[in-house]
Structures are given as structure tokens and as C-alpha cells.
Amino acid sequence: MNLLQETLTEIAERGHSVDDVIYVGSRDGYSCSWEQFTELADREYDSGYGSQEVAADLEIHFTDGSWLERWEYDGSEGWDFRNPFRDVIASKPIIRLMRDNNHFDAWSGLGALQVDED
């Protein structure tokens, strides 16, 4: 897999272009320009299982607040797209954060945990 081509494909599939990129780097301050990224990323790597090859904290941020971040599972890796936070339409109360003896569906999210059993 070529990191640059993978990145360009992901950017296009998410409805962005390289003109939308405002930051390439990590949250602790390591960064480079888009031009530098294209030079550094134009390399082949094994995105399959094994050991991770691309820096785990690499992110690409866009003008609309969304970003790409790296994911990894057993050495298999790629990009995940994250949408920016948007205000919720209506606030709903939270009465539990974790599964208990009556609420087992924590993997479905907060909504499933708030349902009271009658």
C-alpha cells in the first residue's frame, strides 16, 4: 500500500480535497506542511497484519473541523474519518454509563443503557 495514494483516496472519498487540509501531524505538536507530507508519504508499506508501520498518532485536519486519524488492529492499519462535534438537538438525561444486571447492551451506546426494564 502506498501511504500517499491511500491518503488521497480517503480524502476524496470523504468529500474533501487537499485544499481543505489545514494540519498534518500529531496533537503533541509534531507537524509538517502538506507538501512535506506528500514527499514523506509517497512510500509503500504493508498495511496488513504484523506490526504497525505508520505513526499511530498521525492526523490530517480539514477546514470544516473533521479529521483523519490512524487506526490499528494487530498491525493491520489505515485511516478513520472523524466528524467535528456538532451541538445536539435535544439533551437527554444519562442515568448509567456502564452495563449492569439489567442492561447488557453497552456496545450499542448510551441510548441502550438508559432504557428502564419494567
Protein backbone atom coordinates (compact mmCIF):
# COMPACT_ATOMS: atom_id res chain seq x y z
CA MET A 1 0.00 0.00 0.00
CA ASN A 2 1.26 3.48 -0.82
CA LEU A 3 0.57 5.85 2.09
CA LEU A 4 0.16 8.91 -0.14
CA GLN A 5 -2.26 7.20 -2.53
CA GLU A 6 -4.21 5.70 0.38
CA THR A 7 -4.48 9.17 1.93
CA LEU A 8 -5.54 10.89 -1.31
CA THR A 9 -8.21 8.24 -1.86
CA GLU A 10 -9.52 8.63 1.69
CA ILE A 11 -9.61 12.42 1.39
CA ALA A 12 -11.59 12.22 -1.87
CA GLU A 13 -13.99 9.56 -0.54
CA ARG A 14 -14.82 11.87 2.38
CA GLY A 15 -15.72 14.74 0.07
CA HIS A 16 -12.59 16.76 0.71
CA SER A 17 -9.64 17.87 -1.37
CA VAL A 18 -6.05 18.62 -0.44
CA ASP A 19 -7.02 22.32 -0.49
CA ASP A 20 -9.12 21.57 2.63
CA VAL A 21 -6.12 20.30 4.63
CA ILE A 22 -5.10 22.70 7.41
CA TYR A 23 -2.89 20.48 9.58
CA VAL A 24 -0.79 17.34 9.20
CA GLY A 25 0.85 15.93 12.29
CA SER A 26 0.16 14.84 15.84
CA ARG A 27 -1.67 16.51 18.71
CA ASP A 28 1.55 16.96 20.62
CA GLY A 29 2.91 19.37 18.02
CA TYR A 30 4.88 17.34 15.50
CA SER A 31 3.72 18.68 12.14
CA CYS A 32 4.63 19.22 8.52
CA SER A 33 3.18 21.03 5.53
CA TRP A 34 1.00 19.17 3.04
CA GLU A 35 3.89 19.41 0.55
CA GLN A 36 6.27 17.78 3.03
CA PHE A 37 3.69 15.09 3.77
CA THR A 38 3.37 14.21 0.08
CA GLU A 39 7.14 13.69 -0.13
CA LEU A 40 7.34 11.67 3.09
CA ALA A 41 4.19 9.61 2.43
CA ASP A 42 4.99 8.54 -1.14
CA ARG A 43 6.23 5.17 0.11
CA GLU A 44 4.94 1.63 0.10
CA TYR A 45 4.13 -0.08 3.37
CA ASP A 46 2.44 -3.30 4.46
CA SER A 47 -1.00 -2.35 5.81
CA GLY A 48 -1.83 -5.96 6.67
CA TYR A 49 -1.41 -7.84 9.91
CA GLY A 50 2.00 -7.73 11.55
CA SER A 51 3.50 -4.63 13.11
CA GLN A 52 2.24 -1.10 12.61
CA GLU A 53 4.38 0.91 10.17
CA VAL A 54 2.79 4.38 10.07
CA ALA A 55 2.91 6.57 13.18
CA ALA A 56 -0.17 5.81 15.29
CA ASP A 57 -0.78 9.46 16.20
CA LEU A 58 -0.65 10.87 12.65
CA GLU A 59 -3.70 13.03 11.87
CA ILE A 60 -4.84 15.17 8.96
CA HIS A 61 -7.26 18.00 9.83
CA PHE A 62 -9.63 19.80 7.47
CA THR A 63 -11.12 23.30 7.34
CA ASP A 64 -14.57 22.06 8.46
CA GLY A 65 -13.21 20.59 11.71
CA SER A 66 -13.23 16.96 10.57
CA TRP A 67 -10.05 14.89 10.50
CA LEU A 68 -8.42 11.62 9.56
CA GLU A 69 -6.67 9.57 12.21
CA ARG A 70 -4.85 6.28 12.06
CA TRP A 71 -6.41 3.03 13.31
CA GLU A 72 -4.60 -0.20 14.01
CA TYR A 73 -5.65 -3.73 14.87
CA ASP A 74 -2.99 -6.41 15.26
CA GLY A 75 -0.74 -4.44 12.92
CA SER A 76 -3.40 -4.00 10.24
CA GLU A 77 -3.82 -0.26 9.78
CA GLY A 78 -5.47 2.55 7.84
CA TRP A 79 -7.34 5.84 8.12
CA ASP A 80 -10.51 6.56 10.14
CA PHE A 81 -12.59 9.65 9.39
CA ARG A 82 -13.90 11.72 12.29
CA ASN A 83 -16.63 14.33 12.04
CA PRO A 84 -16.40 17.53 14.06
CA PHE A 85 -18.56 17.86 17.16
CA ARG A 86 -21.95 19.37 16.45
CA ASP A 87 -24.34 20.60 19.13
CA VAL A 88 -27.05 18.09 19.93
CA ILE A 89 -30.64 18.98 19.04
CA ALA A 90 -32.14 17.90 22.36
CA SER A 91 -30.37 16.93 25.55
CA LYS A 92 -31.34 13.59 27.09
CA PRO A 93 -30.51 12.59 30.67
CA ILE A 94 -27.91 9.93 31.39
CA ILE A 95 -28.71 7.60 34.31
CA ARG A 96 -26.00 4.99 33.72
CA LEU A 97 -22.70 4.76 31.86
CA MET A 98 -21.95 1.06 32.24
CA ARG A 99 -23.77 -2.22 31.85
CA ASP A 100 -25.37 -3.77 34.91
CA ASN A 101 -27.51 -6.81 35.75
CA ASN A 102 -30.46 -5.44 33.74
CA HIS A 103 -28.68 -3.55 30.96
CA PHE A 104 -26.19 -5.62 28.98
CA ASP A 105 -26.10 -3.72 25.70
CA ALA A 106 -23.20 -1.32 26.37
CA TRP A 107 -21.78 -1.87 22.85
CA SER A 108 -24.89 -0.22 21.35
CA GLY A 109 -24.19 3.04 23.15
CA LEU A 110 -25.66 5.26 25.82
CA GLY A 111 -29.24 5.05 24.50
CA ALA A 112 -29.48 1.32 25.12
CA LEU A 113 -28.22 1.72 28.68
CA GLN A 114 -30.85 4.34 29.57
CA VAL A 115 -33.85 2.06 28.89
CA ASP A 116 -35.56 1.03 32.13
CA GLU A 117 -36.86 -2.53 32.33
CA ASP A 118 -40.44 -2.83 33.64
